[in-house]
Amino acid sequence: MSNLSVEAQALRERISRYFEPTREELDKILKLEFQFVQLLDLVLRLYPLDVQTQEAIAHLEESRNWAGLSVKRGQQIGYEPSDYPPATQGLMVESESVESAFEMVLNTIVSRCMPNREMDLALARLHDARVALNLGASSRR
């Protein structure tokens, strides 16, 4: 690694920063995974596998990956996470259970992830999945 520039070494360290996970980190990641699978199952049952649903599923997968990385990489000192407002009310009846599942995933991300760039990306992709399914997700500030 000595042949890398200082900038390249810093980038490599940021990207590969994943040491041996603790039991607590593994528990957080498993809870995140479980919540995403529950949401995915609901989406697959209630929506046709059209382009919009495929796009939403891709966003959910990306959100899950970023959430796991947030836990693995830990808190970034001095990082100020973005503010994501809660979802709006007044949704269609059939989507209420989906919206409630989205809220559970959102709450799990907020409570189990670390304040870092990866958490923000997980939340942004979760928002994108809501939008792809035409749910009444409020816009980011």
Protein backbone atom coordinates (compact mmCIF):
# COMPACT_ATOMS: atom_id res chain seq x y z
CA MET A 1 0.00 0.00 0.00
CA SER A 2 3.00 2.28 0.28
CA ASN A 3 2.75 2.99 -3.46
CA LEU A 4 -0.60 4.81 -2.96
CA SER A 5 -0.78 8.57 -2.62
CA VAL A 6 -1.97 10.06 0.68
CA GLU A 7 -5.35 10.87 -0.91
CA ALA A 8 -5.68 7.34 -2.31
CA GLN A 9 -4.78 5.82 1.08
CA ALA A 10 -7.41 7.99 2.81
CA LEU A 11 -10.02 6.97 0.23
CA ARG A 12 -9.10 3.30 0.59
CA GLU A 13 -9.32 3.53 4.37
CA ARG A 14 -12.76 5.21 4.20
CA ILE A 15 -14.15 2.66 1.76
CA SER A 16 -12.66 -0.43 3.36
CA ARG A 17 -13.13 0.69 6.97
CA TYR A 18 -14.72 -2.47 8.26
CA PHE A 19 -12.89 -4.21 11.00
CA GLU A 20 -14.08 -7.32 12.84
CA PRO A 21 -17.78 -6.69 13.62
CA THR A 22 -18.89 -6.81 17.22
CA ARG A 23 -21.90 -8.83 18.35
CA GLU A 24 -23.83 -5.58 18.81
CA GLU A 25 -23.07 -4.50 15.23
CA LEU A 26 -24.15 -7.88 13.90
CA ASP A 27 -27.42 -7.63 15.85
CA LYS A 28 -28.09 -4.16 14.43
CA ILE A 29 -27.41 -5.37 10.88
CA LEU A 30 -29.64 -8.44 11.33
CA LYS A 31 -32.51 -6.24 12.57
CA LEU A 32 -32.07 -3.95 9.56
CA GLU A 33 -32.05 -6.94 7.21
CA PHE A 34 -35.20 -8.36 8.84
CA GLN A 35 -37.10 -5.06 8.49
CA PHE A 36 -36.11 -4.73 4.82
CA VAL A 37 -37.22 -8.30 4.06
CA GLN A 38 -40.58 -7.65 5.72
CA LEU A 39 -41.06 -4.53 3.58
CA LEU A 40 -39.93 -6.33 0.43
CA ASP A 41 -42.40 -9.18 1.03
CA LEU A 42 -45.23 -6.68 1.39
CA VAL A 43 -44.26 -4.82 -1.78
CA LEU A 44 -44.03 -8.09 -3.73
CA ARG A 45 -47.50 -9.13 -2.55
CA LEU A 46 -49.26 -5.83 -3.20
CA TYR A 47 -47.64 -4.47 -6.36
CA PRO A 48 -47.28 -5.90 -9.86
CA LEU A 49 -43.70 -6.54 -10.95
CA ASP A 50 -43.70 -3.63 -13.35
CA VAL A 51 -40.97 -1.07 -14.00
CA GLN A 52 -41.97 1.11 -11.03
CA THR A 53 -41.92 -1.80 -8.60
CA GLN A 54 -38.57 -3.01 -9.95
CA GLU A 55 -37.19 0.51 -9.47
CA ALA A 56 -38.53 0.62 -5.90
CA ILE A 57 -36.99 -2.77 -5.14
CA ALA A 58 -33.63 -1.60 -6.50
CA HIS A 59 -33.81 1.47 -4.22
CA LEU A 60 -34.72 -0.73 -1.24
CA GLU A 61 -31.77 -2.99 -1.91
CA GLU A 62 -29.44 -0.02 -2.17
CA SER A 63 -30.89 1.47 1.03
CA ARG A 64 -30.33 -1.82 2.86
CA ASN A 65 -26.72 -1.96 1.68
CA TRP A 66 -26.01 1.63 2.78
CA ALA A 67 -27.68 1.01 6.16
CA GLY A 68 -25.44 -2.01 6.77
CA LEU A 69 -22.38 -0.01 5.77
CA SER A 70 -23.41 2.76 8.16
CA VAL A 71 -23.31 0.32 11.06
CA LYS A 72 -20.03 -1.25 9.89
CA ARG A 73 -18.21 2.03 9.34
CA GLY A 74 -19.37 3.71 12.54
CA GLN A 75 -19.89 7.30 13.48
CA GLN A 76 -18.00 9.96 11.61
CA ILE A 77 -16.85 12.63 14.05
CA GLY A 78 -18.42 15.99 13.36
CA TYR A 79 -20.77 14.66 10.69
CA GLU A 80 -24.19 16.34 10.65
CA PRO A 81 -26.84 13.99 9.25
CA SER A 82 -29.57 15.37 7.00
CA ASP A 83 -33.06 15.88 8.36
CA TYR A 84 -35.69 13.55 6.90
CA PRO A 85 -39.24 14.49 7.86
CA PRO A 86 -41.81 11.79 8.62
CA ALA A 87 -44.15 10.55 5.89
CA THR A 88 -47.40 12.37 5.23
CA GLN A 89 -50.79 10.98 6.18
CA GLY A 90 -53.86 10.37 4.02
CA LEU A 91 -52.64 7.45 1.91
CA MET A 92 -54.75 4.97 -0.01
CA VAL A 93 -56.13 2.14 2.12
CA GLU A 94 -54.20 -0.63 0.35
CA SER A 95 -50.91 1.20 0.75
CA GLU A 96 -51.32 1.97 4.47
CA SER A 97 -49.66 -1.29 5.48
CA VAL A 98 -46.84 -0.62 3.01
CA GLU A 99 -46.44 2.89 4.38
CA SER A 100 -46.38 1.51 7.91
CA ALA A 101 -43.67 -0.97 6.86
CA PHE A 102 -41.69 1.92 5.33
CA GLU A 103 -42.02 3.77 8.65
CA MET A 104 -40.72 0.73 10.53
CA VAL A 105 -37.69 0.53 8.24
CA LEU A 106 -37.14 4.29 8.56
CA ASN A 107 -37.28 4.08 12.36
CA THR A 108 -34.93 1.09 12.35
CA ILE A 109 -32.41 2.95 10.18
CA VAL A 110 -32.57 6.04 12.38
CA SER A 111 -32.24 4.06 15.61
CA ARG A 112 -29.59 1.53 14.55
CA CYS A 113 -27.39 3.29 12.01
CA MET A 114 -24.57 5.63 12.85
CA PRO A 115 -24.64 9.32 11.95
CA ASN A 116 -22.57 9.19 8.80
CA ARG A 117 -22.80 9.64 5.04
CA GLU A 118 -23.93 6.04 4.59
CA MET A 119 -26.96 6.57 6.86
CA ASP A 120 -27.98 9.59 4.80
CA LEU A 121 -27.69 7.52 1.63
CA ALA A 122 -29.78 4.72 3.16
CA LEU A 123 -32.50 7.22 4.06
CA ALA A 124 -32.37 8.87 0.65
CA ARG A 125 -32.76 5.54 -1.18
CA LEU A 126 -35.65 4.58 1.13
CA HIS A 127 -37.32 7.86 0.17
CA ASP A 128 -36.66 7.10 -3.52
CA ALA A 129 -38.37 3.70 -3.12
CA ARG A 130 -41.45 5.41 -1.66
CA VAL A 131 -41.55 7.81 -4.57
CA ALA A 132 -41.16 4.97 -7.10
CA LEU A 133 -44.24 3.29 -5.59
CA ASN A 134 -46.18 6.58 -5.71
CA LEU A 135 -46.64 6.63 -1.97
CA GLY A 136 -47.30 9.92 -0.26
CA ALA A 137 -43.74 10.37 0.97
CA SER A 138 -42.98 13.92 1.88
CA SER A 139 -40.14 15.58 0.07
CA ARG A 140 -36.76 16.04 1.70
CA ARG A 141 -35.95 19.48 3.01
